[in-house]
């Protein structure tokens, strides 16, 4: 079972790398395709929103199909989209290939989560889900630096070639290692959408709020760290590595906590701790730079990664418990809410910087997470007699 889940995690690893590596090769793309940096940055935006829109729609339309075939086909299409990015003649065509890659990724990730959940025993579902989401985390800590190094050394097009090759390897592994999974019930589209009841939808909003708060920090972490530490720009990547390391341990802890203490308790504690770390970021920026502030910046950067990614296994396990028969579609909406939060985090964070000050990023992000926490507590009171999770 473990090696089957690992091959699924390889898919989420390369998808996470593909999504975030644009930041590392942005200047090369802008120069080569003769567009502004801000225009090149829209590649990140279009990927996030195409994913957010595509996940629930594609997940619904393909839910009746055999899951192994969906996984193989979607990761192959993802590889083809990245392969086409290697040979695009203009920025407009690259824009299109990024949309195709996002839609393929939006189909793969929730199905991978559902498959991992089915492959795992009842007591290890949280850990299995944490392995899948860990693929995204490892994409942050390893995939993005590797992809950036390839792009700066050999050209940005070779970065996409690297991603396409790993995608093909993943497709071969899935086709070889995974068993044929039982299809989900063939239910009409209208009835499937009706299954997303108020409980599920409100819980998805919790995910959107927490992700928005977190990506307000992550999107603008470079200028934030420069303000708190006065370090050289070239050193920012080491802080991102610390964030990634914290994310890995957070993912593991989130999976363990979900299996040991339950999804609800783990989610509440993760949200509370996450809000505290975000508030701490704004607090640090109020003090003059010294060795203690630098040390605390290092610690809080790792703790933010830990708290942010401890949320995911608990949230997804809780969502599955709300409607196990429609797990695939619900997880597609969960993935959609994640990417919606990414886009909103960058947008709201930019507004805070432009309209107020970068100093306020942390506490505004923390407020978003607190709103998510309060909403989740209210949801539990409303539905406490219906679901135990």
Protein backbone atom coordinates (compact mmCIF):
# COMPACT_ATOMS: atom_id res chain seq x y z
CA UNK A 1 0.00 0.00 0.00
CA UNK A 2 2.78 2.45 0.92
CA UNK A 3 4.56 2.40 -2.45
CA UNK A 4 1.24 2.92 -4.24
CA UNK A 5 0.56 6.03 -2.18
CA UNK A 6 4.12 7.24 -2.80
CA UNK A 7 3.63 7.16 -6.58
CA UNK A 8 0.50 9.28 -6.11
CA UNK A 9 2.54 11.67 -3.95
CA UNK A 10 5.07 11.94 -6.78
CA UNK A 11 2.24 13.30 -8.91
CA UNK A 12 1.28 15.93 -6.34
CA UNK A 13 4.98 16.75 -5.93
CA UNK A 14 5.45 17.64 -9.57
CA UNK A 15 2.11 19.49 -9.68
CA UNK A 16 3.15 21.58 -6.67
CA UNK A 17 6.49 22.26 -8.32
CA UNK A 18 4.84 23.30 -11.57
CA UNK A 19 2.52 25.72 -9.79
CA UNK A 20 5.16 27.50 -7.68
CA UNK A 21 8.31 27.33 -9.81
CA UNK A 22 7.09 30.20 -12.00
CA UNK A 23 8.27 32.62 -9.30
CA UNK A 24 11.84 31.35 -9.67
CA UNK A 25 11.97 31.64 -13.49
CA UNK A 26 9.74 34.69 -13.83
CA UNK A 27 12.48 37.07 -14.96
CA UNK A 28 13.72 34.63 -17.61
CA UNK A 29 10.23 34.16 -19.04
CA UNK A 30 9.55 37.90 -19.08
CA UNK A 31 12.85 38.66 -20.84
CA UNK A 32 12.66 35.84 -23.37
CA UNK A 33 9.00 36.41 -24.34
CA UNK A 34 9.30 40.22 -24.14
CA UNK A 35 6.59 40.92 -21.57
CA UNK A 36 6.66 42.85 -18.31
CA UNK A 37 7.38 41.11 -15.02
CA UNK A 38 3.86 41.89 -13.80
CA UNK A 39 2.41 40.33 -16.95
CA UNK A 40 4.58 37.24 -16.54
CA UNK A 41 3.35 37.02 -12.96
CA UNK A 42 -0.17 36.49 -14.26
CA UNK A 43 0.92 32.95 -15.15
CA UNK A 44 0.66 32.18 -11.44
CA UNK A 45 -2.76 33.82 -11.21
CA UNK A 46 -4.21 32.03 -14.22
CA UNK A 47 -2.93 28.65 -12.96
CA UNK A 48 -4.50 29.17 -9.52
CA UNK A 49 -7.90 30.29 -10.77
CA UNK A 50 -8.06 27.72 -13.60
CA UNK A 51 -7.36 25.07 -10.98
CA UNK A 52 -9.95 26.52 -8.59
CA UNK A 53 -12.65 26.53 -11.27
CA UNK A 54 -11.62 23.27 -12.90
CA UNK A 55 -11.41 21.04 -9.81
CA UNK A 56 -15.12 20.88 -8.92
CA UNK A 57 -16.37 20.86 -12.52
CA UNK A 58 -13.99 18.19 -13.80
CA UNK A 59 -14.30 16.20 -10.59
CA UNK A 60 -18.07 16.12 -11.02
CA UNK A 61 -18.03 15.29 -14.74
CA UNK A 62 -15.57 12.40 -14.36
CA UNK A 63 -16.70 10.97 -10.99
CA UNK A 64 -18.40 8.00 -12.69
CA UNK A 65 -15.22 6.97 -14.53
CA UNK A 66 -12.67 4.42 -13.34
CA UNK A 67 -10.22 6.23 -11.03
CA UNK A 68 -7.04 4.58 -12.24
CA UNK A 69 -7.78 5.68 -15.81
CA UNK A 70 -8.54 9.22 -14.66
CA UNK A 71 -5.26 9.42 -12.74
CA UNK A 72 -3.21 8.10 -15.67
CA UNK A 73 -4.93 10.27 -18.26
CA UNK A 74 -4.83 13.48 -16.22
CA UNK A 75 -1.12 13.23 -15.39
CA UNK A 76 -0.34 12.44 -19.04
CA UNK A 77 -2.28 15.53 -20.15
CA UNK A 78 -0.41 17.51 -17.51
CA UNK A 79 2.89 16.27 -18.97
CA UNK A 80 1.79 17.13 -22.51
CA UNK A 81 0.81 20.66 -21.43
CA UNK A 82 4.24 21.17 -19.88
CA UNK A 83 5.91 19.63 -22.93
CA UNK A 84 4.08 22.13 -25.13
CA UNK A 85 5.35 24.91 -22.84
CA UNK A 86 8.86 23.98 -23.97
CA UNK A 87 8.12 24.91 -27.59
CA UNK A 88 5.60 27.77 -27.31
CA UNK A 89 6.46 30.67 -29.67
CA UNK A 90 4.83 33.44 -27.62
CA UNK A 91 3.55 34.44 -24.20
CA UNK A 92 -0.06 33.99 -25.33
CA UNK A 93 0.54 30.34 -26.11
CA UNK A 94 2.32 29.84 -22.78
CA UNK A 95 -0.75 31.33 -21.10
CA UNK A 96 -2.86 28.64 -22.76
CA UNK A 97 -0.54 25.76 -21.83
CA UNK A 98 -0.59 26.94 -18.20
CA UNK A 99 -4.38 26.74 -18.21
CA UNK A 100 -4.23 23.21 -19.66
CA UNK A 101 -1.69 22.16 -17.04
CA UNK A 102 -3.85 23.61 -14.25
CA UNK A 103 -7.00 21.84 -15.44
CA UNK A 104 -5.15 18.51 -15.64
CA UNK A 105 -3.72 19.06 -12.16
CA UNK A 106 -7.18 19.97 -10.86
CA UNK A 107 -8.46 16.59 -12.02
CA UNK A 108 -5.50 14.58 -10.68
CA UNK A 109 -5.08 15.86 -7.12
CA UNK A 110 -8.53 15.17 -5.60
CA UNK A 111 -8.69 11.74 -7.26
CA UNK A 112 -5.24 10.97 -5.85
CA UNK A 113 -6.51 11.86 -2.36
CA UNK A 114 -9.60 9.72 -2.77
CA UNK A 115 -7.55 6.77 -4.04
CA UNK A 116 -5.07 7.07 -1.17
CA UNK A 117 -7.97 7.09 1.28
CA UNK A 118 -9.37 3.90 -0.27
CA UNK A 119 -5.99 2.16 -0.24
CA UNK A 120 -5.41 2.93 3.44
CA UNK A 121 -6.93 1.17 6.43
CA UNK A 122 -9.56 2.94 8.51
CA UNK A 123 -6.98 3.86 11.18
CA UNK A 124 -4.41 5.21 8.72
CA UNK A 125 -6.51 7.34 6.37
CA UNK A 126 -5.19 10.56 7.91
CA UNK A 127 -1.59 9.47 7.38
CA UNK A 128 -2.34 8.42 3.80
CA UNK A 129 -3.85 11.84 3.04
CA UNK A 130 -0.88 13.55 4.69
CA UNK A 131 1.48 11.66 2.34
CA UNK A 132 -0.41 12.96 -0.70
CA UNK A 133 -0.39 16.55 0.53
CA UNK A 134 3.25 16.08 1.56
CA UNK A 135 3.97 15.77 -2.16
CA UNK A 136 2.93 19.41 -2.54
CA UNK A 137 5.11 20.35 0.44
CA UNK A 138 8.16 18.59 -0.95
CA UNK A 139 7.48 20.44 -4.19
CA UNK A 140 7.97 23.65 -2.21
CA UNK A 141 11.15 22.58 -0.42
CA UNK A 142 12.85 20.61 -3.25
CA UNK A 143 10.96 20.87 -6.51
CA UNK A 144 10.91 24.65 -6.75
CA UNK A 145 14.65 25.12 -6.00
CA UNK A 146 15.57 22.34 -8.45
CA UNK A 147 13.26 23.72 -11.14
CA UNK A 148 14.61 27.22 -10.57
CA UNK A 149 18.22 26.02 -10.81
CA UNK A 150 17.44 24.20 -14.07
CA UNK A 151 15.73 27.29 -15.47
CA UNK A 152 18.52 29.69 -14.55
CA UNK A 153 21.22 27.30 -15.79
CA UNK A 154 19.71 25.84 -18.97
CA UNK A 155 16.75 28.12 -19.67
CA UNK A 156 13.16 28.27 -18.42
CA UNK A 157 11.91 25.96 -21.16
CA UNK A 158 14.04 23.11 -19.79
CA UNK A 159 12.31 23.54 -16.44
CA UNK A 160 9.03 22.63 -18.11
CA UNK A 161 10.74 19.70 -19.84
CA UNK A 162 11.91 18.45 -16.43
CA UNK A 163 8.33 18.69 -15.10
CA UNK A 164 6.95 16.86 -18.16
CA UNK A 165 9.43 13.99 -17.73
CA UNK A 166 8.55 13.49 -14.04
CA UNK A 167 4.88 13.58 -15.01
CA UNK A 168 5.38 10.78 -17.54
CA UNK A 169 7.28 8.70 -14.96
CA UNK A 170 4.33 9.18 -12.59
CA UNK A 171 1.84 8.05 -15.24
CA UNK A 172 3.87 4.88 -15.89
CA UNK A 173 4.07 4.17 -12.15
CA UNK A 174 0.34 4.63 -11.65
CA UNK A 175 -0.52 2.37 -14.57
CA UNK A 176 1.88 -0.31 -13.31
CA UNK A 177 1.39 -0.21 -9.54
CA UNK A 178 -2.19 0.83 -8.79
CA UNK A 179 -5.01 -1.71 -8.74
CA UNK A 180 -8.30 -1.10 -10.52
CA UNK A 181 -10.42 0.83 -8.05
CA UNK A 182 -14.17 0.49 -7.60
CA UNK A 183 -16.09 3.21 -9.41
CA UNK A 184 -18.14 5.71 -7.46
CA UNK A 185 -21.89 5.55 -7.91
CA UNK A 186 -23.07 6.96 -11.23
CA UNK A 187 -25.27 9.78 -9.97
CA UNK A 188 -26.59 12.60 -12.20
CA UNK A 189 -24.74 15.91 -12.07
CA UNK A 190 -27.64 17.79 -10.49
CA UNK A 191 -27.95 15.26 -7.69
CA UNK A 192 -24.19 15.32 -7.10
CA UNK A 193 -24.21 19.07 -6.69
CA UNK A 194 -27.14 18.77 -4.28
CA UNK A 195 -24.99 16.51 -2.11
CA UNK A 196 -22.80 19.53 -1.33
CA UNK A 197 -24.99 20.54 1.58
CA UNK A 198 -24.63 23.56 3.83
CA UNK A 199 -22.33 21.69 6.23
CA UNK A 200 -19.86 20.83 3.47
CA UNK A 201 -19.95 24.26 1.85
CA UNK A 202 -19.40 26.14 5.10
CA UNK A 203 -16.49 23.86 5.96
CA UNK A 204 -14.96 24.61 2.55
CA UNK A 205 -15.20 28.33 3.40
CA UNK A 206 -13.08 27.59 6.48
CA UNK A 207 -10.40 26.27 4.13
CA UNK A 208 -10.63 29.34 1.90
CA UNK A 209 -10.26 31.72 4.83
CA UNK A 210 -7.25 29.94 6.32
CA UNK A 211 -5.49 29.63 2.96
CA UNK A 212 -6.12 33.29 2.17
CA UNK A 213 -4.53 34.30 5.47
CA UNK A 214 -1.56 32.00 4.94
CA UNK A 215 -0.81 33.03 1.36
CA UNK A 216 -0.95 36.70 2.27
CA UNK A 217 2.28 35.87 4.10
CA UNK A 218 3.80 33.36 1.69
CA UNK A 219 3.23 35.45 -1.45
CA UNK A 220 5.06 38.45 0.04
CA UNK A 221 7.46 36.60 2.30
CA UNK A 222 10.56 38.03 0.57
CA UNK A 223 9.89 41.72 1.37
CA UNK A 224 8.57 40.74 4.81
CA UNK A 225 11.77 38.88 5.69
CA UNK A 226 13.91 41.68 4.32
CA UNK A 227 12.11 44.07 6.66
CA UNK A 228 12.43 41.84 9.74
CA UNK A 229 16.01 40.68 9.14
CA UNK A 230 17.69 43.02 6.58
CA UNK A 231 19.14 39.93 4.87
CA UNK A 232 20.27 39.87 1.26
CA UNK A 233 17.66 38.88 -1.30
CA UNK A 234 19.73 35.83 -2.29
CA UNK A 235 19.29 34.45 1.24
CA UNK A 236 15.50 34.41 1.08
CA UNK A 237 15.53 30.94 -0.44
CA UNK A 238 17.01 29.52 2.78
CA UNK A 239 14.07 30.87 4.76
CA UNK A 240 11.74 29.24 2.22
CA UNK A 241 13.56 25.97 2.84
CA UNK A 242 12.83 26.40 6.56
CA UNK A 243 9.18 27.05 5.71
CA UNK A 244 9.17 23.87 3.63
CA UNK A 245 10.78 21.81 6.40
CA UNK A 246 8.18 23.10 8.84
CA UNK A 247 5.49 22.20 6.29
CA UNK A 248 6.66 18.60 6.07
CA UNK A 249 6.60 18.13 9.84
CA UNK A 250 3.27 19.94 10.02
CA UNK A 251 1.80 17.59 7.45
CA UNK A 252 3.02 14.57 9.39
CA UNK A 253 1.71 15.99 12.66
CA UNK A 254 -1.63 16.84 11.06
CA UNK A 255 -2.05 13.29 9.79
CA UNK A 256 -1.02 11.79 13.13
CA UNK A 257 -3.28 14.13 15.09
CA UNK A 258 -6.22 13.33 12.81
CA UNK A 259 -5.81 9.59 13.36
CA UNK A 260 -5.09 9.88 17.09
CA UNK A 261 -7.31 12.72 18.31
CA UNK A 262 -9.79 13.25 15.48
CA UNK A 263 -10.05 15.70 12.61
CA UNK A 264 -12.06 18.33 14.50
CA UNK A 265 -9.66 18.75 17.42
CA UNK A 266 -6.63 18.74 15.14
CA UNK A 267 -8.17 21.34 12.85
CA UNK A 268 -9.12 23.67 15.72
CA UNK A 269 -5.64 23.52 17.28
CA UNK A 270 -3.96 24.02 13.90
CA UNK A 271 -6.07 27.08 13.08
CA UNK A 272 -5.41 28.62 16.50
CA UNK A 273 -1.65 28.04 16.28
CA UNK A 274 -1.56 29.32 12.69
CA UNK A 275 -3.27 32.58 13.64
CA UNK A 276 -0.78 33.10 16.48
CA UNK A 277 2.22 32.67 14.16
CA UNK A 278 0.78 35.13 11.65
CA UNK A 279 0.17 37.72 14.36
CA UNK A 280 3.79 37.22 15.45
CA UNK A 281 5.04 38.26 12.00
CA UNK A 282 3.50 41.73 12.31
CA UNK A 283 4.77 41.99 15.88
CA UNK A 284 8.35 41.28 14.77
CA UNK A 285 8.23 44.09 12.20
CA UNK A 286 7.60 46.64 14.96
CA UNK A 287 11.07 46.10 16.46
CA UNK A 288 14.48 47.20 15.13
CA UNK A 289 16.56 44.45 13.52
CA UNK A 290 18.90 42.61 15.91
CA UNK A 291 20.12 39.06 16.41
CA UNK A 292 17.11 38.11 18.56
CA UNK A 293 14.62 39.35 15.95
CA UNK A 294 16.49 37.45 13.22
CA UNK A 295 16.44 34.28 15.33
CA UNK A 296 12.74 34.67 16.02
CA UNK A 297 12.11 35.26 12.30
CA UNK A 298 13.81 31.96 11.52
CA UNK A 299 11.74 30.15 14.14
CA UNK A 300 8.40 31.72 13.17
CA UNK A 301 9.03 31.03 9.47
CA UNK A 302 9.35 27.32 10.24
CA UNK A 303 6.36 27.40 12.61
CA UNK A 304 4.19 29.10 9.97
CA UNK A 305 4.96 26.28 7.55
CA UNK A 306 4.19 23.74 10.29
CA UNK A 307 0.84 25.28 11.22
CA UNK A 308 -0.28 25.96 7.65
CA UNK A 309 0.21 22.39 6.45
CA UNK A 310 -1.01 20.66 9.61
CA UNK A 311 -4.44 21.93 8.57
CA UNK A 312 -4.72 19.97 5.33
CA UNK A 313 -4.97 16.31 6.48
CA UNK A 314 -7.46 17.25 9.21
CA UNK A 315 -9.61 19.40 6.93
CA UNK A 316 -9.74 16.81 4.14
CA UNK A 317 -10.42 13.92 6.52
CA UNK A 318 -13.25 15.91 8.11
CA UNK A 319 -14.72 16.75 4.69
CA UNK A 320 -14.66 13.08 3.68
CA UNK A 321 -16.47 12.16 6.91
CA UNK A 322 -19.30 14.53 6.01
CA UNK A 323 -20.18 12.59 2.86
CA UNK A 324 -17.97 9.50 2.29
CA UNK A 325 -19.96 8.33 -0.75
CA UNK A 326 -19.10 11.55 -2.61
CA UNK A 327 -15.50 11.82 -1.38
CA UNK A 328 -14.00 12.43 -4.81
CA UNK A 329 -16.24 15.38 -5.62
CA UNK A 330 -15.94 16.90 -2.15
CA UNK A 331 -12.14 16.70 -2.30
CA UNK A 332 -12.21 18.34 -5.72
CA UNK A 333 -14.03 21.26 -4.09
CA UNK A 334 -11.46 21.19 -1.28
CA UNK A 335 -8.65 21.48 -3.82
CA UNK A 336 -10.57 24.28 -5.49
CA UNK A 337 -10.90 26.15 -2.20
CA UNK A 338 -7.15 25.81 -1.65
CA UNK A 339 -6.30 27.47 -4.95
CA UNK A 340 -9.02 30.07 -4.51
CA UNK A 341 -7.37 30.94 -1.21
CA UNK A 342 -3.97 31.18 -2.92
CA UNK A 343 -5.31 33.69 -5.42
CA UNK A 344 -7.19 35.68 -2.78
CA UNK A 345 -4.17 35.70 -0.47
CA UNK A 346 -1.99 37.32 -3.14
CA UNK A 347 -4.76 39.79 -4.00
CA UNK A 348 -5.64 40.85 -0.45
CA UNK A 349 -1.98 40.93 0.59
CA UNK A 350 -1.21 43.27 -2.29
CA UNK A 351 -4.06 45.55 -1.27
CA UNK A 352 -2.82 45.65 2.33
CA UNK A 353 0.69 46.61 1.18
CA UNK A 354 -0.53 49.26 -1.26
CA UNK A 355 -3.26 50.79 0.89
CA UNK A 356 -1.78 50.44 4.39
CA UNK A 357 1.66 48.92 5.03
CA UNK A 358 3.50 45.63 4.76
CA UNK A 359 3.72 45.67 8.56
CA UNK A 360 0.03 44.77 8.73
CA UNK A 361 0.24 41.65 6.52
CA UNK A 362 0.67 39.30 9.48
CA UNK A 363 -2.19 40.47 11.63
CA UNK A 364 -4.61 40.83 8.71
CA UNK A 365 -3.73 37.29 7.65
CA UNK A 366 -4.21 36.16 11.24
CA UNK A 367 -7.66 37.77 11.30
CA UNK A 368 -8.65 35.75 8.22
CA UNK A 369 -7.53 32.54 9.94
CA UNK A 370 -9.41 33.52 13.13
CA UNK A 371 -12.55 34.09 11.08
CA UNK A 372 -12.08 30.59 9.66
CA UNK A 373 -11.66 29.19 13.19
CA UNK A 374 -14.76 30.97 14.53
CA UNK A 375 -16.77 29.80 11.53
CA UNK A 376 -15.68 26.21 12.13
CA UNK A 377 -16.68 26.40 15.82
CA UNK A 378 -20.08 27.80 14.85
CA UNK A 379 -20.52 25.02 12.29
CA UNK A 380 -19.83 22.39 14.96
CA UNK A 381 -22.48 23.88 17.23
CA UNK A 382 -25.04 23.95 14.43
CA UNK A 383 -24.38 20.39 13.23
CA UNK A 384 -23.12 18.81 16.47
CA UNK A 385 -25.95 16.28 16.55
CA UNK A 386 -25.49 15.20 12.95
CA UNK A 387 -21.82 14.33 12.39
CA UNK A 388 -19.16 13.01 14.70
CA UNK A 389 -15.67 13.30 13.19
